[in-house]
N, C-alpha and C. Protein backbone atom coordinates (compact mmCIF):
# COMPACT_ATOMS: atom_id res chain seq x y z
N MET A 1 110.64 92.67 107.12
CA MET A 1 110.58 93.35 105.82
C MET A 1 109.45 92.76 105.00
N GLY A 2 108.62 93.60 104.42
CA GLY A 2 107.48 93.12 103.66
C GLY A 2 107.63 93.34 102.19
N GLY A 3 106.53 93.10 101.45
CA GLY A 3 106.57 93.28 100.01
C GLY A 3 105.20 93.50 99.47
N SER A 4 105.07 93.56 98.14
CA SER A 4 103.81 93.86 97.49
C SER A 4 103.11 92.61 97.04
N LYS A 5 101.85 92.79 96.62
CA LYS A 5 101.05 91.66 96.16
C LYS A 5 100.70 91.81 94.70
N SER A 6 100.58 90.71 94.01
CA SER A 6 100.13 90.71 92.62
C SER A 6 98.63 90.55 92.60
N LYS A 7 97.97 91.29 91.72
CA LYS A 7 96.51 91.21 91.61
C LYS A 7 96.07 89.84 91.12
N SER A 8 96.98 89.13 90.45
CA SER A 8 96.61 87.84 89.90
C SER A 8 96.79 86.70 90.89
N GLY A 9 97.35 87.01 92.06
CA GLY A 9 97.56 85.97 93.05
C GLY A 9 98.91 85.30 92.94
N MET A 10 99.75 85.73 91.98
CA MET A 10 101.08 85.15 91.85
C MET A 10 101.97 85.64 92.98
N PRO A 11 102.94 84.83 93.42
CA PRO A 11 103.82 85.28 94.50
C PRO A 11 104.75 86.37 94.01
N VAL A 12 104.74 87.50 94.69
CA VAL A 12 105.58 88.60 94.26
C VAL A 12 106.42 89.16 95.39
N ALA A 13 106.26 88.67 96.60
CA ALA A 13 106.97 89.29 97.70
C ALA A 13 107.65 88.26 98.58
N VAL A 14 108.85 88.58 99.00
CA VAL A 14 109.54 87.72 99.95
C VAL A 14 109.54 88.43 101.30
N TYR A 15 109.06 87.76 102.31
CA TYR A 15 109.04 88.31 103.65
C TYR A 15 110.15 87.65 104.46
N MET A 16 110.93 88.43 105.16
CA MET A 16 112.07 87.90 105.89
C MET A 16 111.81 87.98 107.40
N LYS A 17 112.28 86.96 108.12
CA LYS A 17 112.21 86.96 109.57
C LYS A 17 113.62 86.77 110.12
N TYR A 18 113.84 87.29 111.30
CA TYR A 18 115.14 87.09 111.91
C TYR A 18 114.96 86.63 113.35
N SER A 19 115.61 85.53 113.70
CA SER A 19 115.52 84.99 115.04
C SER A 19 116.81 85.30 115.79
N VAL A 20 116.71 86.12 116.83
CA VAL A 20 117.90 86.51 117.59
C VAL A 20 118.47 85.31 118.34
N ASN A 21 117.60 84.51 118.93
CA ASN A 21 118.05 83.39 119.75
C ASN A 21 118.76 82.31 118.94
N GLN A 22 118.21 81.98 117.78
CA GLN A 22 118.79 80.89 117.00
C GLN A 22 119.75 81.38 115.92
N GLY A 23 119.80 82.69 115.72
CA GLY A 23 120.79 83.26 114.84
C GLY A 23 120.66 82.90 113.38
N TYR A 24 119.49 82.93 112.83
CA TYR A 24 119.35 82.65 111.41
C TYR A 24 118.22 83.47 110.81
N PHE A 25 118.29 83.61 109.51
CA PHE A 25 117.21 84.23 108.76
C PHE A 25 116.34 83.13 108.19
N SER A 26 115.07 83.38 108.10
CA SER A 26 114.19 82.48 107.37
C SER A 26 113.35 83.32 106.44
N SER A 27 112.86 82.74 105.38
CA SER A 27 112.06 83.51 104.43
C SER A 27 110.95 82.65 103.88
N PHE A 28 109.88 83.31 103.47
CA PHE A 28 108.80 82.59 102.83
C PHE A 28 108.11 83.50 101.84
N VAL A 29 107.51 82.91 100.84
CA VAL A 29 106.84 83.67 99.79
C VAL A 29 105.36 83.75 100.10
N VAL A 30 104.81 84.96 100.01
CA VAL A 30 103.38 85.15 100.24
C VAL A 30 102.68 85.34 98.92
N GLY A 31 101.60 84.59 98.69
CA GLY A 31 100.85 84.70 97.45
C GLY A 31 100.10 86.00 97.38
N GLY A 32 99.65 86.35 96.16
CA GLY A 32 98.96 87.62 95.96
C GLY A 32 97.68 87.76 96.75
N THR A 33 97.06 86.65 97.14
CA THR A 33 95.83 86.74 97.91
C THR A 33 96.11 87.09 99.36
N GLY A 34 97.35 86.93 99.78
CA GLY A 34 97.70 87.22 101.15
C GLY A 34 97.40 86.07 102.09
N SER A 35 96.80 85.00 101.58
CA SER A 35 96.42 83.88 102.43
C SER A 35 97.25 82.64 102.16
N GLU A 36 98.09 82.68 101.14
CA GLU A 36 98.90 81.53 100.79
C GLU A 36 100.38 81.85 101.02
N TYR A 37 101.08 80.90 101.58
CA TYR A 37 102.51 81.11 101.73
C TYR A 37 103.23 79.77 101.82
N GLY A 38 104.49 79.79 101.53
CA GLY A 38 105.28 78.58 101.59
C GLY A 38 106.74 78.94 101.74
N PRO A 39 107.61 77.98 102.04
CA PRO A 39 109.03 78.28 102.22
C PRO A 39 109.63 78.81 100.94
N ALA A 40 110.53 79.76 101.07
CA ALA A 40 111.17 80.34 99.89
C ALA A 40 112.32 79.44 99.46
N ARG A 41 113.50 79.64 99.97
CA ARG A 41 114.64 78.83 99.57
C ARG A 41 115.42 78.46 100.83
N GLY A 42 115.59 77.18 101.06
CA GLY A 42 116.34 76.76 102.23
C GLY A 42 115.47 76.57 103.45
N GLY A 43 114.17 76.92 103.34
CA GLY A 43 113.26 76.74 104.47
C GLY A 43 113.77 77.43 105.71
N TYR A 44 113.83 76.70 106.80
CA TYR A 44 114.27 77.27 108.06
C TYR A 44 115.70 76.88 108.41
N LYS A 45 116.43 76.43 107.40
CA LYS A 45 117.81 76.03 107.64
C LYS A 45 118.69 77.24 107.88
N LYS A 46 119.69 77.03 108.70
CA LYS A 46 120.64 78.08 108.96
C LYS A 46 121.49 78.32 107.72
N GLY A 47 121.71 79.55 107.38
CA GLY A 47 122.52 79.82 106.20
C GLY A 47 122.22 81.17 105.60
N LYS A 48 122.96 81.51 104.57
CA LYS A 48 122.83 82.81 103.91
C LYS A 48 121.61 82.83 103.01
N ILE A 49 120.89 83.93 103.05
CA ILE A 49 119.72 84.08 102.19
C ILE A 49 120.18 84.33 100.75
N GLU A 50 119.62 83.60 99.82
CA GLU A 50 119.96 83.76 98.41
C GLU A 50 118.91 84.61 97.70
N PRO A 51 119.31 85.32 96.64
CA PRO A 51 118.32 86.12 95.89
C PRO A 51 117.23 85.22 95.33
N MET A 52 116.02 85.71 95.35
CA MET A 52 114.90 84.94 94.83
C MET A 52 114.70 85.25 93.36
N SER A 53 115.29 84.43 92.49
CA SER A 53 115.24 84.69 91.06
C SER A 53 113.85 84.46 90.47
N ASP A 54 113.00 83.74 91.24
CA ASP A 54 111.69 83.42 90.69
C ASP A 54 110.62 84.42 91.12
N ILE A 55 111.02 85.49 91.76
CA ILE A 55 110.05 86.50 92.18
C ILE A 55 109.77 87.44 91.01
N ILE A 56 108.51 87.75 90.78
CA ILE A 56 108.13 88.61 89.65
C ILE A 56 108.67 90.02 89.85
N PRO A 57 109.37 90.59 88.86
CA PRO A 57 109.84 91.97 88.97
C PRO A 57 108.65 92.92 89.08
N ALA A 58 108.88 94.06 89.68
CA ALA A 58 107.80 95.03 89.85
C ALA A 58 107.37 95.57 88.50
N TYR A 59 106.08 95.63 88.29
CA TYR A 59 105.56 96.26 87.09
C TYR A 59 105.52 97.77 87.32
N GLY A 60 105.52 98.52 86.23
CA GLY A 60 105.45 99.97 86.35
C GLY A 60 106.71 100.63 85.83
N TRP A 61 106.69 101.95 85.79
CA TRP A 61 107.81 102.71 85.21
C TRP A 61 107.81 104.11 85.77
N ASN A 62 109.00 104.71 85.85
CA ASN A 62 109.11 106.14 86.12
C ASN A 62 110.33 106.66 85.39
N ALA A 63 110.39 107.96 85.20
CA ALA A 63 111.41 108.58 84.36
C ALA A 63 112.83 108.40 84.88
N SER A 64 112.99 108.05 86.15
CA SER A 64 114.33 107.87 86.72
C SER A 64 114.94 106.52 86.35
N MET A 65 114.13 105.62 85.81
CA MET A 65 114.63 104.30 85.42
C MET A 65 115.52 104.41 84.19
N GLU A 66 116.53 103.55 84.13
CA GLU A 66 117.44 103.55 82.99
C GLU A 66 116.90 102.66 81.88
N ILE A 67 115.66 102.87 81.54
CA ILE A 67 115.00 102.11 80.48
C ILE A 67 113.86 102.96 79.94
N SER A 68 113.66 102.91 78.65
CA SER A 68 112.57 103.70 78.06
C SER A 68 111.24 103.06 78.42
N LEU A 69 110.19 103.83 78.37
CA LEU A 69 108.86 103.30 78.66
C LEU A 69 108.48 102.26 77.60
N TYR A 70 108.90 102.50 76.37
CA TYR A 70 108.64 101.55 75.28
C TYR A 70 109.20 100.17 75.63
N ASP A 71 110.46 100.15 76.06
CA ASP A 71 111.10 98.87 76.40
C ASP A 71 110.52 98.26 77.67
N LYS A 72 110.13 99.12 78.63
CA LYS A 72 109.59 98.60 79.89
C LYS A 72 108.24 97.93 79.67
N ILE A 73 107.44 98.50 78.79
CA ILE A 73 106.14 97.90 78.48
C ILE A 73 106.34 96.50 77.89
N ARG A 74 107.27 96.37 76.97
CA ARG A 74 107.55 95.08 76.34
C ARG A 74 108.12 94.10 77.37
N GLN A 75 108.99 94.60 78.22
CA GLN A 75 109.59 93.77 79.26
C GLN A 75 108.52 93.25 80.22
N ASP A 76 107.63 94.14 80.64
CA ASP A 76 106.58 93.75 81.58
C ASP A 76 105.60 92.76 80.95
N MET A 77 105.34 92.93 79.66
CA MET A 77 104.45 91.99 78.99
C MET A 77 105.07 90.59 78.96
N LYS A 78 106.37 90.52 78.68
CA LYS A 78 107.05 89.22 78.65
C LYS A 78 107.02 88.57 80.02
N GLN A 79 107.28 89.38 81.07
CA GLN A 79 107.25 88.84 82.43
C GLN A 79 105.86 88.35 82.80
N ALA A 80 104.85 89.11 82.39
CA ALA A 80 103.47 88.72 82.68
C ALA A 80 103.11 87.42 81.98
N MET A 81 103.61 87.23 80.77
CA MET A 81 103.35 85.99 80.04
C MET A 81 104.04 84.80 80.71
N ILE A 82 105.27 85.03 81.16
CA ILE A 82 106.01 83.97 81.84
C ILE A 82 105.30 83.53 83.11
N HIS A 83 104.80 84.50 83.86
CA HIS A 83 104.17 84.21 85.15
C HIS A 83 102.65 84.07 85.06
N LYS A 84 102.16 84.02 83.82
CA LYS A 84 100.72 83.83 83.58
C LYS A 84 99.87 84.87 84.31
N ASP A 85 100.37 86.09 84.33
CA ASP A 85 99.62 87.21 84.91
C ASP A 85 98.81 87.84 83.78
N THR A 86 97.65 87.27 83.52
CA THR A 86 96.87 87.64 82.33
C THR A 86 96.38 89.08 82.35
N ASP A 87 96.06 89.61 83.52
CA ASP A 87 95.58 90.99 83.59
C ASP A 87 96.66 91.96 83.11
N VAL A 88 97.88 91.76 83.58
CA VAL A 88 98.99 92.63 83.16
C VAL A 88 99.30 92.40 81.69
N ARG A 89 99.35 91.15 81.29
CA ARG A 89 99.64 90.82 79.88
C ARG A 89 98.66 91.52 78.95
N ASP A 90 97.37 91.42 79.25
CA ASP A 90 96.35 92.01 78.38
C ASP A 90 96.42 93.54 78.37
N THR A 91 96.77 94.13 79.52
CA THR A 91 96.89 95.59 79.57
C THR A 91 98.08 96.06 78.74
N MET A 92 99.19 95.34 78.82
CA MET A 92 100.36 95.70 78.01
C MET A 92 100.05 95.57 76.52
N ARG A 93 99.32 94.53 76.17
CA ARG A 93 98.93 94.34 74.76
C ARG A 93 98.02 95.47 74.30
N LEU A 94 97.16 95.92 75.19
CA LEU A 94 96.25 97.02 74.85
C LEU A 94 97.04 98.29 74.55
N ILE A 95 98.05 98.56 75.38
CA ILE A 95 98.88 99.74 75.17
C ILE A 95 99.66 99.63 73.87
N ILE A 96 100.29 98.48 73.65
CA ILE A 96 101.07 98.27 72.43
C ILE A 96 100.17 98.33 71.20
N GLY A 97 98.94 97.85 71.35
CA GLY A 97 98.00 97.87 70.23
C GLY A 97 97.60 99.26 69.79
N ALA A 98 97.87 100.26 70.65
CA ALA A 98 97.54 101.64 70.30
C ALA A 98 98.69 102.35 69.59
N TYR A 99 99.84 101.73 69.49
CA TYR A 99 100.99 102.37 68.85
C TYR A 99 100.73 102.78 67.40
N PRO A 100 99.98 101.98 66.62
CA PRO A 100 99.72 102.40 65.24
C PRO A 100 98.96 103.73 65.13
N ASN A 101 98.38 104.19 66.23
CA ASN A 101 97.69 105.48 66.22
C ASN A 101 98.67 106.64 66.35
N LEU A 102 99.93 106.33 66.65
CA LEU A 102 100.95 107.37 66.77
C LEU A 102 101.52 107.65 65.38
N THR A 103 101.31 108.85 64.90
CA THR A 103 101.73 109.19 63.54
C THR A 103 102.56 110.46 63.49
N VAL A 104 103.24 110.65 62.39
CA VAL A 104 103.98 111.88 62.13
C VAL A 104 103.56 112.41 60.76
N SER A 105 103.59 113.71 60.63
CA SER A 105 103.21 114.34 59.36
C SER A 105 104.34 114.20 58.34
N MET A 106 103.97 114.10 57.08
CA MET A 106 104.97 114.03 56.02
C MET A 106 104.38 114.59 54.73
N THR A 107 105.26 115.01 53.86
CA THR A 107 104.83 115.57 52.58
C THR A 107 105.33 114.68 51.44
N LEU A 108 104.41 114.26 50.59
CA LEU A 108 104.76 113.42 49.46
C LEU A 108 105.44 114.24 48.37
N GLU A 109 106.05 113.57 47.41
CA GLU A 109 106.72 114.27 46.31
C GLU A 109 105.75 115.14 45.54
N SER A 110 104.48 114.74 45.54
CA SER A 110 103.46 115.52 44.83
C SER A 110 103.11 116.80 45.58
N GLY A 111 103.61 116.91 46.80
CA GLY A 111 103.29 118.08 47.61
C GLY A 111 102.12 117.84 48.55
N LYS A 112 101.48 116.69 48.39
CA LYS A 112 100.34 116.36 49.26
C LYS A 112 100.83 116.01 50.65
N LYS A 113 100.15 116.57 51.65
CA LYS A 113 100.51 116.29 53.04
C LYS A 113 99.74 115.07 53.53
N THR A 114 100.42 114.23 54.24
CA THR A 114 99.80 113.02 54.78
C THR A 114 100.47 112.66 56.10
N THR A 115 100.19 111.49 56.60
CA THR A 115 100.82 111.03 57.84
C THR A 115 101.27 109.58 57.67
N ARG A 116 102.17 109.18 58.51
CA ARG A 116 102.60 107.78 58.54
C ARG A 116 102.74 107.36 60.00
N VAL A 117 102.69 106.07 60.22
CA VAL A 117 102.83 105.54 61.57
C VAL A 117 104.27 105.68 62.04
N LYS A 118 104.45 106.06 63.28
CA LYS A 118 105.79 106.21 63.83
C LYS A 118 106.50 104.86 63.91
N THR A 119 107.79 104.88 63.66
CA THR A 119 108.60 103.67 63.85
C THR A 119 108.88 103.53 65.35
N PRO A 120 109.27 102.34 65.80
CA PRO A 120 109.59 102.15 67.22
C PRO A 120 110.60 103.17 67.74
N ASP A 121 111.60 103.52 66.94
CA ASP A 121 112.62 104.48 67.37
C ASP A 121 112.06 105.89 67.53
N GLU A 122 110.94 106.17 66.87
CA GLU A 122 110.35 107.51 66.94
C GLU A 122 109.34 107.65 68.08
N ILE A 123 108.92 106.54 68.65
CA ILE A 123 107.94 106.59 69.74
C ILE A 123 108.62 107.05 71.02
N THR A 124 108.12 108.12 71.61
CA THR A 124 108.72 108.68 72.82
C THR A 124 107.96 108.23 74.07
N ASP A 125 108.59 108.47 75.21
CA ASP A 125 107.92 108.19 76.49
C ASP A 125 106.61 108.96 76.59
N ASP A 126 106.64 110.23 76.15
CA ASP A 126 105.44 111.06 76.23
C ASP A 126 104.32 110.51 75.35
N ASP A 127 104.68 109.95 74.20
CA ASP A 127 103.68 109.34 73.33
C ASP A 127 102.93 108.24 74.07
N ILE A 128 103.70 107.38 74.73
CA ILE A 128 103.09 106.24 75.42
C ILE A 128 102.34 106.70 76.67
N LEU A 129 102.87 107.70 77.35
CA LEU A 129 102.17 108.24 78.52
C LEU A 129 100.81 108.80 78.12
N ASP A 130 100.74 109.44 76.96
CA ASP A 130 99.45 109.96 76.48
C ASP A 130 98.46 108.82 76.23
N ILE A 131 98.95 107.71 75.69
CA ILE A 131 98.09 106.55 75.46
C ILE A 131 97.55 106.03 76.79
N ILE A 132 98.45 105.88 77.76
CA ILE A 132 98.05 105.35 79.06
C ILE A 132 97.08 106.30 79.76
N ARG A 133 97.32 107.60 79.63
CA ARG A 133 96.41 108.58 80.24
C ARG A 133 95.00 108.46 79.66
N LYS A 134 94.91 108.23 78.36
CA LYS A 134 93.60 108.09 77.72
C LYS A 134 92.87 106.86 78.25
N PHE A 135 93.60 105.76 78.40
CA PHE A 135 92.99 104.55 78.96
C PHE A 135 92.56 104.78 80.40
N ALA A 136 93.40 105.48 81.16
CA ALA A 136 93.08 105.76 82.56
C ALA A 136 91.85 106.66 82.67
N LYS A 137 91.78 107.66 81.80
CA LYS A 137 90.63 108.57 81.80
C LYS A 137 89.35 107.83 81.47
N SER A 138 89.42 106.94 80.49
CA SER A 138 88.26 106.14 80.10
C SER A 138 87.81 105.24 81.25
N GLU A 139 88.78 104.64 81.94
CA GLU A 139 88.44 103.77 83.07
C GLU A 139 87.81 104.56 84.21
N LYS A 140 88.30 105.77 84.45
CA LYS A 140 87.72 106.61 85.51
C LYS A 140 86.27 106.94 85.20
N THR A 141 85.97 107.18 83.92
CA THR A 141 84.60 107.46 83.52
C THR A 141 83.70 106.27 83.81
N VAL A 142 84.19 105.08 83.48
CA VAL A 142 83.43 103.86 83.75
C VAL A 142 83.21 103.68 85.24
N LEU A 143 84.24 103.94 86.03
CA LEU A 143 84.15 103.78 87.48
C LEU A 143 83.16 104.77 88.09
N GLU A 144 83.12 105.98 87.54
CA GLU A 144 82.17 106.98 88.03
C GLU A 144 80.74 106.51 87.81
N ILE A 145 80.49 105.91 86.66
CA ILE A 145 79.16 105.38 86.36
C ILE A 145 78.81 104.26 87.33
N LYS A 146 79.80 103.44 87.65
CA LYS A 146 79.59 102.32 88.57
C LYS A 146 79.64 102.76 90.03
N LYS A 147 79.96 104.06 90.24
CA LYS A 147 80.12 104.60 91.59
C LYS A 147 81.21 103.86 92.37
N GLN A 148 82.31 103.60 91.67
CA GLN A 148 83.47 102.96 92.28
C GLN A 148 84.66 103.92 92.20
N SER A 149 85.55 103.82 93.15
CA SER A 149 86.67 104.76 93.21
C SER A 149 87.89 104.30 92.40
N THR A 150 88.09 103.00 92.31
CA THR A 150 89.27 102.51 91.58
C THR A 150 89.05 101.08 91.13
N SER A 151 90.02 100.56 90.41
CA SER A 151 89.98 99.18 89.93
C SER A 151 91.41 98.68 89.79
N ASP A 152 91.58 97.37 89.71
CA ASP A 152 92.92 96.81 89.52
C ASP A 152 93.54 97.33 88.23
N TYR A 153 92.71 97.45 87.20
CA TYR A 153 93.16 97.93 85.89
C TYR A 153 93.69 99.36 86.00
N LEU A 154 92.94 100.23 86.68
CA LEU A 154 93.36 101.62 86.83
C LEU A 154 94.64 101.72 87.67
N GLU A 155 94.72 100.93 88.72
CA GLU A 155 95.91 100.95 89.56
C GLU A 155 97.14 100.53 88.77
N LEU A 156 96.97 99.55 87.89
CA LEU A 156 98.09 99.10 87.06
C LEU A 156 98.52 100.21 86.11
N LEU A 157 97.56 100.84 85.45
CA LEU A 157 97.89 101.94 84.53
C LEU A 157 98.63 103.05 85.27
N ASN A 158 98.21 103.34 86.49
CA ASN A 158 98.82 104.43 87.26
C ASN A 158 100.27 104.16 87.61
N THR A 159 100.68 102.89 87.63
CA THR A 159 102.07 102.59 87.96
C THR A 159 103.02 103.01 86.85
N TYR A 160 102.48 103.34 85.69
CA TYR A 160 103.31 103.79 84.56
C TYR A 160 103.24 105.30 84.38
N LEU A 161 102.37 105.96 85.11
CA LEU A 161 102.18 107.40 84.96
C LEU A 161 102.94 108.18 86.04
N PRO A 162 103.38 109.40 85.73
CA PRO A 162 104.03 110.24 86.74
C PRO A 162 103.08 110.46 87.91
N GLN A 163 103.64 110.59 89.09
CA GLN A 163 102.82 110.83 90.27
C GLN A 163 102.08 112.16 90.13
N MET A 164 100.78 112.12 90.34
CA MET A 164 99.97 113.32 90.20
C MET A 164 100.12 114.23 91.42
N ALA A 165 100.01 115.53 91.19
CA ALA A 165 100.10 116.49 92.28
C ALA A 165 98.90 116.33 93.21
N THR A 166 99.14 116.42 94.49
CA THR A 166 98.08 116.29 95.49
C THR A 166 97.38 117.64 95.68
N PRO A 167 96.18 117.65 96.26
CA PRO A 167 95.50 118.91 96.54
C PRO A 167 96.36 119.86 97.37
N ALA A 168 97.08 119.30 98.35
CA ALA A 168 97.92 120.12 99.21
C ALA A 168 99.06 120.77 98.42
N GLU A 169 99.65 120.01 97.50
CA GLU A 169 100.75 120.53 96.69
C GLU A 169 100.26 121.62 95.74
N ILE A 170 99.08 121.41 95.17
CA ILE A 170 98.50 122.41 94.27
C ILE A 170 98.19 123.69 95.03
N LYS A 171 97.56 123.53 96.19
CA LYS A 171 97.19 124.69 97.00
C LYS A 171 98.43 125.47 97.44
N GLN A 172 99.48 124.75 97.85
CA GLN A 172 100.70 125.42 98.31
C GLN A 172 101.34 126.21 97.18
N TRP A 173 101.38 125.62 95.98
CA TRP A 173 101.98 126.33 94.85
C TRP A 173 101.17 127.58 94.53
N ILE A 174 99.86 127.46 94.56
CA ILE A 174 98.99 128.61 94.27
C ILE A 174 99.25 129.72 95.27
N GLN A 175 99.32 129.37 96.54
CA GLN A 175 99.54 130.37 97.59
C GLN A 175 100.90 131.05 97.45
N ASP A 176 101.88 130.30 96.97
CA ASP A 176 103.24 130.85 96.84
C ASP A 176 103.46 131.63 95.54
N ASN A 177 102.65 131.36 94.51
CA ASN A 177 102.96 131.91 93.20
C ASN A 177 101.86 132.70 92.50
N VAL A 178 100.64 132.62 92.98
CA VAL A 178 99.54 133.29 92.28
C VAL A 178 99.11 134.56 93.02
N ASP A 179 99.10 135.66 92.28
CA ASP A 179 98.63 136.95 92.81
C ASP A 179 97.18 137.14 92.37
N PHE A 180 96.25 136.87 93.28
CA PHE A 180 94.83 136.91 92.92
C PHE A 180 94.33 138.33 92.65
N SER A 181 95.14 139.33 92.99
CA SER A 181 94.72 140.71 92.72
C SER A 181 94.68 141.00 91.22
N LYS A 182 95.34 140.13 90.46
CA LYS A 182 95.37 140.30 89.00
C LYS A 182 94.17 139.65 88.32
N PHE A 183 93.36 138.95 89.09
CA PHE A 183 92.21 138.24 88.52
C PHE A 183 90.91 138.70 89.16
N LYS A 184 89.84 138.66 88.38
CA LYS A 184 88.53 139.03 88.90
C LYS A 184 87.98 137.95 89.83
N SER A 185 88.39 136.70 89.57
CA SER A 185 87.97 135.59 90.42
C SER A 185 89.09 134.55 90.46
N PRO A 186 89.17 133.75 91.53
CA PRO A 186 90.22 132.73 91.63
C PRO A 186 90.24 131.77 90.44
N MET A 187 89.07 131.48 89.87
CA MET A 187 89.00 130.53 88.77
C MET A 187 89.77 131.00 87.54
N GLN A 188 90.00 132.30 87.43
CA GLN A 188 90.74 132.83 86.28
C GLN A 188 92.23 132.49 86.35
N ALA A 189 92.66 131.97 87.50
CA ALA A 189 94.06 131.58 87.65
C ALA A 189 94.29 130.15 87.15
N MET A 190 93.23 129.53 86.66
CA MET A 190 93.29 128.15 86.21
C MET A 190 94.41 127.93 85.18
N GLY A 191 94.51 128.82 84.22
CA GLY A 191 95.50 128.68 83.16
C GLY A 191 96.92 128.68 83.69
N ALA A 192 97.20 129.59 84.62
CA ALA A 192 98.54 129.69 85.19
C ALA A 192 98.90 128.43 85.98
N VAL A 193 97.94 127.91 86.71
CA VAL A 193 98.18 126.71 87.52
C VAL A 193 98.44 125.50 86.62
N MET A 194 97.60 125.33 85.61
CA MET A 194 97.74 124.19 84.71
C MET A 194 99.02 124.29 83.88
N LYS A 195 99.43 125.51 83.56
CA LYS A 195 100.67 125.70 82.80
C LYS A 195 101.85 125.20 83.61
N HIS A 196 101.80 125.44 84.92
CA HIS A 196 102.89 125.00 85.79
C HIS A 196 102.90 123.49 85.97
N PHE A 197 101.77 122.91 86.31
CA PHE A 197 101.71 121.48 86.62
C PHE A 197 101.59 120.60 85.38
N GLY A 198 101.05 121.16 84.31
CA GLY A 198 100.89 120.37 83.09
C GLY A 198 100.02 119.14 83.32
N LYS A 199 100.47 118.02 82.79
CA LYS A 199 99.69 116.79 82.87
C LYS A 199 99.81 116.10 84.23
N GLN A 200 100.58 116.71 85.13
CA GLN A 200 100.73 116.12 86.46
C GLN A 200 99.70 116.66 87.44
N ALA A 201 98.73 117.38 86.94
CA ALA A 201 97.64 117.87 87.78
C ALA A 201 96.31 117.61 87.09
N ASP A 202 95.37 117.09 87.83
CA ASP A 202 94.03 116.84 87.31
C ASP A 202 93.28 118.17 87.25
N GLY A 203 92.77 118.50 86.06
CA GLY A 203 92.08 119.77 85.89
C GLY A 203 90.91 119.95 86.84
N ASN A 204 90.15 118.90 87.05
CA ASN A 204 89.00 118.99 87.96
C ASN A 204 89.45 119.24 89.39
N LEU A 205 90.60 118.67 89.76
CA LEU A 205 91.13 118.88 91.11
C LEU A 205 91.60 120.32 91.28
N VAL A 206 92.24 120.86 90.24
CA VAL A 206 92.69 122.25 90.29
C VAL A 206 91.49 123.18 90.44
N LYS A 207 90.42 122.90 89.70
CA LYS A 207 89.19 123.70 89.80
C LYS A 207 88.65 123.68 91.22
N LYS A 208 88.65 122.51 91.83
CA LYS A 208 88.13 122.37 93.19
C LYS A 208 88.97 123.17 94.19
N VAL A 209 90.30 123.09 94.03
CA VAL A 209 91.19 123.83 94.93
C VAL A 209 90.96 125.33 94.79
N LEU A 210 90.85 125.80 93.55
CA LEU A 210 90.61 127.23 93.31
C LEU A 210 89.24 127.65 93.85
N LYS A 211 88.26 126.79 93.69
CA LYS A 211 86.92 127.08 94.19
C LYS A 211 86.94 127.18 95.71
N ASP A 212 87.65 126.27 96.35
CA ASP A 212 87.75 126.29 97.81
C ASP A 212 88.45 127.56 98.29
N ILE A 213 89.49 127.97 97.54
CA ILE A 213 90.20 129.20 97.90
C ILE A 213 89.26 130.40 97.77
N GLY A 214 88.45 130.39 96.71
CA GLY A 214 87.50 131.49 96.51
C GLY A 214 86.44 131.56 97.57
N ASN A 215 86.09 130.41 98.14
CA ASN A 215 85.05 130.38 99.17
C ASN A 215 85.59 130.59 100.57
N SER A 216 86.92 130.62 100.68
CA SER A 216 87.51 130.76 102.02
C SER A 216 87.62 132.22 102.45
């Protein structure tokens, strides 16, 4: 059984081995670099494997978790601080630092319309997802200039975002639901496709899929 690696090199995964002949489990912790390892708990002694309380919890979030994204961001920042994972800590601080930009409209007694910063209770998962998407979009722009496909920072941001639709999923939905006889060109179906997938589909990817369909 394997596990994941931390970008900071901190140990995040316990790997288990089982010896049929000697009848025991052994475990060891692998560092984030993949080149460092050491005994976990109990070494190679015969006995029951105990939970590894010192292993860093997985960073990231999805809607099926029984925790709000607001709370998960704070939780992950605390864990990153404890384990001196500065990259994660700084990213969480960056996200939290954008909360004052979340506002709601209000009307003063004078009738003048203004805005105020949202309270923690008013901040929704979607609010925070929008913040993370903006950071991810900005990072993608930087990576395009550098002619790079990804970065540790972008990968971390993506662990908090809903899984994006793949080209195959987009194409399949289009084939099952779009009647191209109603459009002068496949590209005119862009609105219908984006309405269905919403923020879970990259607009540029949808354009490419429609363009490929038009050329086929």
